[in-house]
Amino acid sequence: MGEVMGDLQTRRALIMGMDSRDNYQVIKARTPLATLDRYSTTLRSLSQGRARFTQHFSDYAPVPADVQQKLSKSVQMAEAV
């Protein structure tokens, strides 16, 4: 469970809560979609194939300033070509 939580934090996740259901732990988190590329593969690896995830759209939100700067630079470089 700790490895999954740590991985979510590296993906800028906001942990909304944790529940127990039957023999499972359920983590509810809000995570930027851009950080979930190949997440199912990573999750299976972290959980030895036992975990799964579902995703649902929540809302749009501003990106952090450091991400904005990276995006701006990549757009400027693309326009310069």
PDB file of N, CA and C in Angstrom:
ATOM      1  N   MET A   1       0.827  -1.191   0.000  1.00  0.00           N
ATOM      2  CA  MET A   1       0.000   0.000   0.000  1.00  0.00           C
ATOM      3  C   MET A   1       0.872   1.256   0.000  1.00  0.00           C
ATOM      4  N   GLY A   2       1.956   1.242   0.744  1.00  0.00           N
ATOM      5  CA  GLY A   2       2.828   2.405   0.821  1.00  0.00           C
ATOM      6  C   GLY A   2       3.458   2.766  -0.506  1.00  0.00           C
ATOM      7  N   GLU A   3       3.831   1.748  -1.288  1.00  0.00           N
ATOM      8  CA  GLU A   3       4.428   2.012  -2.596  1.00  0.00           C
ATOM      9  C   GLU A   3       3.418   2.652  -3.542  1.00  0.00           C
ATOM     10  N   VAL A   4       2.180   2.217  -3.467  1.00  0.00           N
ATOM     11  CA  VAL A   4       1.133   2.793  -4.315  1.00  0.00           C
ATOM     12  C   VAL A   4       0.893   4.248  -3.919  1.00  0.00           C
ATOM     13  N   MET A   5       0.808   4.519  -2.629  1.00  0.00           N
ATOM     14  CA  MET A   5       0.607   5.898  -2.164  1.00  0.00           C
ATOM     15  C   MET A   5       1.777   6.787  -2.591  1.00  0.00           C
ATOM     16  N   GLY A   6       2.991   6.278  -2.458  1.00  0.00           N
ATOM     17  CA  GLY A   6       4.163   7.040  -2.873  1.00  0.00           C
ATOM     18  C   GLY A   6       4.146   7.344  -4.358  1.00  0.00           C
ATOM     19  N   ASP A   7       3.755   6.360  -5.159  1.00  0.00           N
ATOM     20  CA  ASP A   7       3.677   6.573  -6.601  1.00  0.00           C
ATOM     21  C   ASP A   7       2.619   7.616  -6.947  1.00  0.00           C
ATOM     22  N   LEU A   8       1.483   7.556  -6.278  1.00  0.00           N
ATOM     23  CA  LEU A   8       0.438   8.555  -6.522  1.00  0.00           C
ATOM     24  C   LEU A   8       0.939   9.962  -6.199  1.00  0.00           C
ATOM     25  N   GLN A   9       1.701  10.094  -5.129  1.00  0.00           N
ATOM     26  CA  GLN A   9       2.212  11.418  -4.763  1.00  0.00           C
ATOM     27  C   GLN A   9       3.181  11.950  -5.808  1.00  0.00           C
ATOM     28  N   THR A  10       3.963  11.065  -6.437  1.00  0.00           N
ATOM     29  CA  THR A  10       4.861  11.536  -7.495  1.00  0.00           C
ATOM     30  C   THR A  10       4.083  11.992  -8.720  1.00  0.00           C
ATOM     31  N   ARG A  11       2.832  11.584  -8.823  1.00  0.00           N
ATOM     32  CA  ARG A  11       1.970  11.967  -9.941  1.00  0.00           C
ATOM     33  C   ARG A  11       1.089  13.171  -9.591  1.00  0.00           C
ATOM     34  N   ARG A  12       1.440  13.898  -8.567  1.00  0.00           N
ATOM     35  CA  ARG A  12       0.716  15.089  -8.111  1.00  0.00           C
ATOM     36  C   ARG A  12      -0.715  14.770  -7.687  1.00  0.00           C
ATOM     37  N   ALA A  13      -0.914  13.597  -7.112  1.00  0.00           N
ATOM     38  CA  ALA A  13      -2.256  13.191  -6.672  1.00  0.00           C
ATOM     39  C   ALA A  13      -2.631  13.866  -5.364  1.00  0.00           C
ATOM     40  N   LEU A  14      -3.907  14.144  -5.227  1.00  0.00           N
ATOM     41  CA  LEU A  14      -4.472  14.619  -3.971  1.00  0.00           C
ATOM     42  C   LEU A  14      -5.279  13.451  -3.412  1.00  0.00           C
ATOM     43  N   ILE A  15      -4.814  12.861  -2.327  1.00  0.00           N
ATOM     44  CA  ILE A  15      -5.482  11.709  -1.733  1.00  0.00           C
ATOM     45  C   ILE A  15      -6.732  12.197  -1.011  1.00  0.00           C
ATOM     46  N   MET A  16      -7.875  11.689  -1.441  1.00  0.00           N
ATOM     47  CA  MET A  16      -9.157  12.103  -0.876  1.00  0.00           C
ATOM     48  C   MET A  16      -9.601  11.208   0.275  1.00  0.00           C
ATOM     49  N   GLY A  17      -9.085   9.991   0.326  1.00  0.00           N
ATOM     50  CA  GLY A  17      -9.455   9.093   1.408  1.00  0.00           C
ATOM     51  C   GLY A  17      -9.109   7.653   1.095  1.00  0.00           C
ATOM     52  N   MET A  18      -9.229   6.824   2.117  1.00  0.00           N
ATOM     53  CA  MET A  18      -8.985   5.390   1.977  1.00  0.00           C
ATOM     54  C   MET A  18     -10.110   4.648   2.686  1.00  0.00           C
ATOM     55  N   ASP A  19     -10.547   3.544   2.096  1.00  0.00           N
ATOM     56  CA  ASP A  19     -11.606   2.718   2.669  1.00  0.00           C
ATOM     57  C   ASP A  19     -11.192   1.257   2.588  1.00  0.00           C
ATOM     58  N   SER A  20     -11.804   0.441   3.429  1.00  0.00           N
ATOM     59  CA  SER A  20     -11.654  -1.008   3.333  1.00  0.00           C
ATOM     60  C   SER A  20     -12.949  -1.581   2.792  1.00  0.00           C
ATOM     61  N   ARG A  21     -12.820  -2.446   1.796  1.00  0.00           N
ATOM     62  CA  ARG A  21     -13.982  -3.153   1.243  1.00  0.00           C
ATOM     63  C   ARG A  21     -13.601  -4.617   1.118  1.00  0.00           C
ATOM     64  N   ASP A  22     -14.349  -5.461   1.806  1.00  0.00           N
ATOM     65  CA  ASP A  22     -14.032  -6.886   1.826  1.00  0.00           C
ATOM     66  C   ASP A  22     -12.565  -7.050   2.225  1.00  0.00           C
ATOM     67  N   ASN A  23     -11.762  -7.652   1.368  1.00  0.00           N
ATOM     68  CA  ASN A  23     -10.339  -7.845   1.678  1.00  0.00           C
ATOM     69  C   ASN A  23      -9.456  -6.844   0.940  1.00  0.00           C
ATOM     70  N   TYR A  24     -10.041  -5.739   0.489  1.00  0.00           N
ATOM     71  CA  TYR A  24      -9.309  -4.776  -0.321  1.00  0.00           C
ATOM     72  C   TYR A  24      -9.221  -3.420   0.359  1.00  0.00           C
ATOM     73  N   GLN A  25      -8.188  -2.672  -0.018  1.00  0.00           N
ATOM     74  CA  GLN A  25      -8.054  -1.280   0.374  1.00  0.00           C
ATOM     75  C   GLN A  25      -8.396  -0.435  -0.847  1.00  0.00           C
ATOM     76  N   VAL A  26      -9.207   0.580  -0.669  1.00  0.00           N
ATOM     77  CA  VAL A  26      -9.596   1.468  -1.764  1.00  0.00           C
ATOM     78  C   VAL A  26      -9.011   2.845  -1.479  1.00  0.00           C
ATOM     79  N   ILE A  27      -8.271   3.362  -2.433  1.00  0.00           N
ATOM     80  CA  ILE A  27      -7.698   4.707  -2.326  1.00  0.00           C
ATOM     81  C   ILE A  27      -8.470   5.601  -3.282  1.00  0.00           C
ATOM     82  N   LYS A  28      -9.007   6.695  -2.768  1.00  0.00           N
ATOM     83  CA  LYS A  28      -9.668   7.683  -3.624  1.00  0.00           C
ATOM     84  C   LYS A  28      -8.731   8.873  -3.738  1.00  0.00           C
ATOM     85  N   ALA A  29      -8.413   9.231  -4.973  1.00  0.00           N
ATOM     86  CA  ALA A  29      -7.466  10.319  -5.195  1.00  0.00           C
ATOM     87  C   ALA A  29      -7.853  11.093  -6.448  1.00  0.00           C
ATOM     88  N   ARG A  30      -7.502  12.359  -6.459  1.00  0.00           N
ATOM     89  CA  ARG A  30      -7.649  13.206  -7.649  1.00  0.00           C
ATOM     90  C   ARG A  30      -6.252  13.386  -8.216  1.00  0.00           C
ATOM     91  N   THR A  31      -6.098  12.982  -9.459  1.00  0.00           N
ATOM     92  CA  THR A  31      -4.782  12.986 -10.090  1.00  0.00           C
ATOM     93  C   THR A  31      -4.900  13.585 -11.486  1.00  0.00           C
ATOM     94  N   PRO A  32      -3.968  14.444 -11.879  1.00  0.00           N
ATOM     95  CA  PRO A  32      -4.017  14.983 -13.240  1.00  0.00           C
ATOM     96  C   PRO A  32      -3.947  13.860 -14.274  1.00  0.00           C
ATOM     97  N   LEU A  33      -4.811  13.915 -15.256  1.00  0.00           N
ATOM     98  CA  LEU A  33      -4.855  12.886 -16.289  1.00  0.00           C
ATOM     99  C   LEU A  33      -3.509  12.741 -16.998  1.00  0.00           C
ATOM    100  N   ALA A  34      -2.822  13.837 -17.189  1.00  0.00           N
ATOM    101  CA  ALA A  34      -1.541  13.803 -17.892  1.00  0.00           C
ATOM    102  C   ALA A  34      -0.505  12.939 -17.177  1.00  0.00           C
ATOM    103  N   THR A  35      -0.680  12.695 -15.892  1.00  0.00           N
ATOM    104  CA  THR A  35       0.295  11.895 -15.141  1.00  0.00           C
ATOM    105  C   THR A  35      -0.079  10.421 -15.074  1.00  0.00           C
ATOM    106  N   LEU A  36      -1.204  10.040 -15.665  1.00  0.00           N
ATOM    107  CA  LEU A  36      -1.673   8.655 -15.554  1.00  0.00           C
ATOM    108  C   LEU A  36      -1.318   7.785 -16.761  1.00  0.00           C
ATOM    109  N   ASP A  37      -0.469   8.267 -17.639  1.00  0.00           N
ATOM    110  CA  ASP A  37      -0.045   7.473 -18.783  1.00  0.00           C
ATOM    111  C   ASP A  37       0.628   6.189 -18.296  1.00  0.00           C
ATOM    112  N   ARG A  38       0.166   5.047 -18.774  1.00  0.00           N
ATOM    113  CA  ARG A  38       0.689   3.723 -18.416  1.00  0.00           C
ATOM    114  C   ARG A  38       0.544   3.403 -16.924  1.00  0.00           C
ATOM    115  N   TYR A  39      -0.390   4.056 -16.243  1.00  0.00           N
ATOM    116  CA  TYR A  39      -0.536   3.828 -14.804  1.00  0.00           C
ATOM    117  C   TYR A  39      -0.985   2.412 -14.472  1.00  0.00           C
ATOM    118  N   SER A  40      -1.843   1.821 -15.279  1.00  0.00           N
ATOM    119  CA  SER A  40      -2.316   0.469 -14.958  1.00  0.00           C
ATOM    120  C   SER A  40      -1.151  -0.515 -14.925  1.00  0.00           C
ATOM    121  N   THR A  41      -0.186  -0.356 -15.826  1.00  0.00           N
ATOM    122  CA  THR A  41       0.996  -1.218 -15.829  1.00  0.00           C
ATOM    123  C   THR A  41       1.824  -1.002 -14.573  1.00  0.00           C
ATOM    124  N   THR A  42       2.021   0.248 -14.205  1.00  0.00           N
ATOM    125  CA  THR A  42       2.783   0.562 -12.997  1.00  0.00           C
ATOM    126  C   THR A  42       2.089   0.015 -11.763  1.00  0.00           C
ATOM    127  N   LEU A  43       0.779   0.190 -11.688  1.00  0.00           N
ATOM    128  CA  LEU A  43       0.022  -0.282 -10.528  1.00  0.00           C
ATOM    129  C   LEU A  43       0.108  -1.799 -10.397  1.00  0.00           C
ATOM    130  N   ARG A  44      -0.019  -2.506 -11.500  1.00  0.00           N
ATOM    131  CA  ARG A  44       0.101  -3.969 -11.446  1.00  0.00           C
ATOM    132  C   ARG A  44       1.486  -4.380 -10.967  1.00  0.00           C
ATOM    133  N   SER A  45       2.494  -3.670 -11.416  1.00  0.00           N
ATOM    134  CA  SER A  45       3.859  -3.972 -10.991  1.00  0.00           C
ATOM    135  C   SER A  45       4.044  -3.730  -9.497  1.00  0.00           C
ATOM    136  N   LEU A  46       3.535  -2.612  -9.012  1.00  0.00           N
ATOM    137  CA  LEU A  46       3.668  -2.285  -7.589  1.00  0.00           C
ATOM    138  C   LEU A  46       2.897  -3.247  -6.692  1.00  0.00           C
ATOM    139  N   SER A  47       1.813  -3.815  -7.206  1.00  0.00           N
ATOM    140  CA  SER A  47       0.935  -4.663  -6.384  1.00  0.00           C
ATOM    141  C   SER A  47       1.044  -6.151  -6.731  1.00  0.00           C
ATOM    142  N   GLN A  48       2.065  -6.524  -7.487  1.00  0.00           N
ATOM    143  CA  GLN A  48       2.229  -7.906  -7.940  1.00  0.00           C
ATOM    144  C   GLN A  48       0.976  -8.407  -8.670  1.00  0.00           C
ATOM    145  N   GLY A  49       0.345  -7.531  -9.421  1.00  0.00           N
ATOM    146  CA  GLY A  49      -0.800  -7.894 -10.243  1.00  0.00           C
ATOM    147  C   GLY A  49      -2.139  -7.946  -9.536  1.00  0.00           C
ATOM    148  N   ARG A  50      -2.202  -7.550  -8.278  1.00  0.00           N
ATOM    149  CA  ARG A  50      -3.450  -7.669  -7.522  1.00  0.00           C
ATOM    150  C   ARG A  50      -4.335  -6.436  -7.585  1.00  0.00           C
ATOM    151  N   ALA A  51      -3.781  -5.281  -7.886  1.00  0.00           N
ATOM    152  CA  ALA A  51      -4.556  -4.032  -7.829  1.00  0.00           C
ATOM    153  C   ALA A  51      -5.120  -3.670  -9.200  1.00  0.00           C
ATOM    154  N   ARG A  52      -6.160  -2.868  -9.185  1.00  0.00           N
ATOM    155  CA  ARG A  52      -6.732  -2.305 -10.403  1.00  0.00           C
ATOM    156  C   ARG A  52      -7.194  -0.892 -10.078  1.00  0.00           C
ATOM    157  N   PHE A  53      -7.451  -0.117 -11.130  1.00  0.00           N
ATOM    158  CA  PHE A  53      -7.932   1.237 -10.875  1.00  0.00           C
ATOM    159  C   PHE A  53      -9.010   1.611 -11.876  1.00  0.00           C
ATOM    160  N   THR A  54      -9.826   2.553 -11.460  1.00  0.00           N
ATOM    161  CA  THR A  54     -10.823   3.143 -12.340  1.00  0.00           C
ATOM    162  C   THR A  54     -10.604   4.644 -12.316  1.00  0.00           C
ATOM    163  N   GLN A  55     -11.043   5.295 -13.372  1.00  0.00           N
ATOM    164  CA  GLN A  55     -10.903   6.751 -13.411  1.00  0.00           C
ATOM    165  C   GLN A  55     -12.184   7.375 -13.918  1.00  0.00           C
ATOM    166  N   HIS A  56     -12.460   8.549 -13.385  1.00  0.00           N
ATOM    167  CA  HIS A  56     -13.638   9.320 -13.755  1.00  0.00           C
ATOM    168  C   HIS A  56     -13.229  10.783 -13.822  1.00  0.00           C
ATOM    169  N   PHE A  57     -13.771  11.507 -14.786  1.00  0.00           N
ATOM    170  CA  PHE A  57     -13.482  12.933 -14.886  1.00  0.00           C
ATOM    171  C   PHE A  57     -14.043  13.659 -13.672  1.00  0.00           C
ATOM    172  N   SER A  58     -13.241  14.557 -13.118  1.00  0.00           N
ATOM    173  CA  SER A  58     -13.679  15.350 -11.973  1.00  0.00           C
ATOM    174  C   SER A  58     -13.893  16.806 -12.383  1.00  0.00           C
ATOM    175  N   ASP A  59     -12.823  17.456 -12.808  1.00  0.00           N
ATOM    176  CA  ASP A  59     -12.915  18.864 -13.190  1.00  0.00           C
ATOM    177  C   ASP A  59     -11.629  19.297 -13.875  1.00  0.00           C
ATOM    178  N   TYR A  60     -11.652  20.500 -14.384  1.00  0.00           N
ATOM    179  CA  TYR A  60     -10.449  21.130 -14.905  1.00  0.00           C
ATOM    180  C   TYR A  60      -9.854  21.969 -13.788  1.00  0.00           C
ATOM    181  N   ALA A  61      -8.529  22.025 -13.736  1.00  0.00           N
ATOM    182  CA  ALA A  61      -7.860  22.820 -12.710  1.00  0.00           C
ATOM    183  C   ALA A  61      -6.587  23.419 -13.307  1.00  0.00           C
ATOM    184  N   PRO A  62      -6.162  24.564 -12.800  1.00  0.00           N
ATOM    185  CA  PRO A  62      -4.912  25.155 -13.286  1.00  0.00           C
ATOM    186  C   PRO A  62      -3.727  24.243 -12.974  1.00  0.00           C
ATOM    187  N   VAL A  63      -2.753  24.248 -13.864  1.00  0.00           N
ATOM    188  CA  VAL A  63      -1.551  23.463 -13.599  1.00  0.00           C
ATOM    189  C   VAL A  63      -0.605  24.286 -12.734  1.00  0.00           C
ATOM    190  N   PRO A  64       0.273  23.632 -11.984  1.00  0.00           N
ATOM    191  CA  PRO A  64       1.240  24.363 -11.166  1.00  0.00           C
ATOM    192  C   PRO A  64       2.162  25.228 -12.036  1.00  0.00           C
ATOM    193  N   ALA A  65       2.732  26.238 -11.441  1.00  0.00           N
ATOM    194  CA  ALA A  65       3.565  27.202 -12.172  1.00  0.00           C
ATOM    195  C   ALA A  65       4.734  26.532 -12.890  1.00  0.00           C
ATOM    196  N   ASP A  66       5.391  25.568 -12.263  1.00  0.00           N
ATOM    197  CA  ASP A  66       6.536  24.919 -12.914  1.00  0.00           C
ATOM    198  C   ASP A  66       6.101  24.148 -14.164  1.00  0.00           C
ATOM    199  N   VAL A  67       4.940  23.548 -14.130  1.00  0.00           N
ATOM    200  CA  VAL A  67       4.421  22.836 -15.298  1.00  0.00           C
ATOM    201  C   VAL A  67       4.032  23.837 -16.384  1.00  0.00           C
ATOM    202  N   GLN A  68       3.456  24.972 -16.002  1.00  0.00           N
ATOM    203  CA  GLN A  68       3.113  26.020 -16.973  1.00  0.00           C
ATOM    204  C   GLN A  68       4.358  26.486 -17.717  1.00  0.00           C
ATOM    205  N   GLN A  69       5.446  26.685 -16.979  1.00  0.00           N
ATOM    206  CA  GLN A  69       6.682  27.148 -17.604  1.00  0.00           C
ATOM    207  C   GLN A  69       7.213  26.126 -18.605  1.00  0.00           C
ATOM    208  N   LYS A  70       7.185  24.846 -18.240  1.00  0.00           N
ATOM    209  CA  LYS A  70       7.647  23.801 -19.162  1.00  0.00           C
ATOM    210  C   LYS A  70       6.783  23.759 -20.417  1.00  0.00           C
ATOM    211  N   LEU A  71       5.474  23.878 -20.241  1.00  0.00           N
ATOM    212  CA  LEU A  71       4.574  23.872 -21.394  1.00  0.00           C
ATOM    213  C   LEU A  71       4.822  25.075 -22.295  1.00  0.00           C
ATOM    214  N   SER A  72       5.007  26.240 -21.696  1.00  0.00           N
ATOM    215  CA  SER A  72       5.265  27.455 -22.480  1.00  0.00           C
ATOM    216  C   SER A  72       6.548  27.324 -23.284  1.00  0.00           C
ATOM    217  N   LYS A  73       7.590  26.786 -22.658  1.00  0.00           N
ATOM    218  CA  LYS A  73       8.867  26.614 -23.362  1.00  0.00           C
ATOM    219  C   LYS A  73       8.726  25.635 -24.519  1.00  0.00           C
ATOM    220  N   SER A  74       7.998  24.547 -24.307  1.00  0.00           N
ATOM    221  CA  SER A  74       7.857  23.568 -25.389  1.00  0.00           C
ATOM    222  C   SER A  74       7.041  24.138 -26.550  1.00  0.00           C
ATOM    223  N   VAL A  75       6.044  24.960 -26.259  1.00  0.00           N
ATOM    224  CA  VAL A  75       5.264  25.598 -27.325  1.00  0.00           C
ATOM    225  C   VAL A  75       6.135  26.594 -28.078  1.00  0.00           C
ATOM    226  N   GLN A  76       6.916  27.378 -27.357  1.00  0.00           N
ATOM    227  CA  GLN A  76       7.797  28.353 -28.001  1.00  0.00           C
ATOM    228  C   GLN A  76       8.813  27.659 -28.902  1.00  0.00           C
ATOM    229  N   MET A  77       9.355  26.542 -28.439  1.00  0.00           N
ATOM    230  CA  MET A  77      10.330  25.804 -29.245  1.00  0.00           C
ATOM    231  C   MET A  77       9.665  25.220 -30.491  1.00  0.00           C
ATOM    232  N   ALA A  78       8.446  24.734 -30.354  1.00  0.00           N
ATOM    233  CA  ALA A  78       7.727  24.166 -31.495  1.00  0.00           C
ATOM    234  C   ALA A  78       7.394  25.245 -32.520  1.00  0.00           C
ATOM    235  N   GLU A  79       7.054  26.437 -32.048  1.00  0.00           N
ATOM    236  CA  GLU A  79       6.735  27.538 -32.958  1.00  0.00           C
ATOM    237  C   GLU A  79       7.977  28.051 -33.668  1.00  0.00           C
ATOM    238  N   ALA A  80       9.140  27.903 -33.044  1.00  0.00           N
ATOM    239  CA  ALA A  80      10.381  28.387 -33.634  1.00  0.00           C
ATOM    240  C   ALA A  80      10.851  27.490 -34.781  1.00  0.00           C
ATOM    241  N   VAL A  81      10.362  26.293 -34.839  1.00  0.00           N
ATOM    242  CA  VAL A  81      10.805  25.347 -35.881  1.00  0.00           C
ATOM    243  C   VAL A  81      10.170  25.611 -37.190  1.00  0.00           C
TER     244      VAL A  81
END
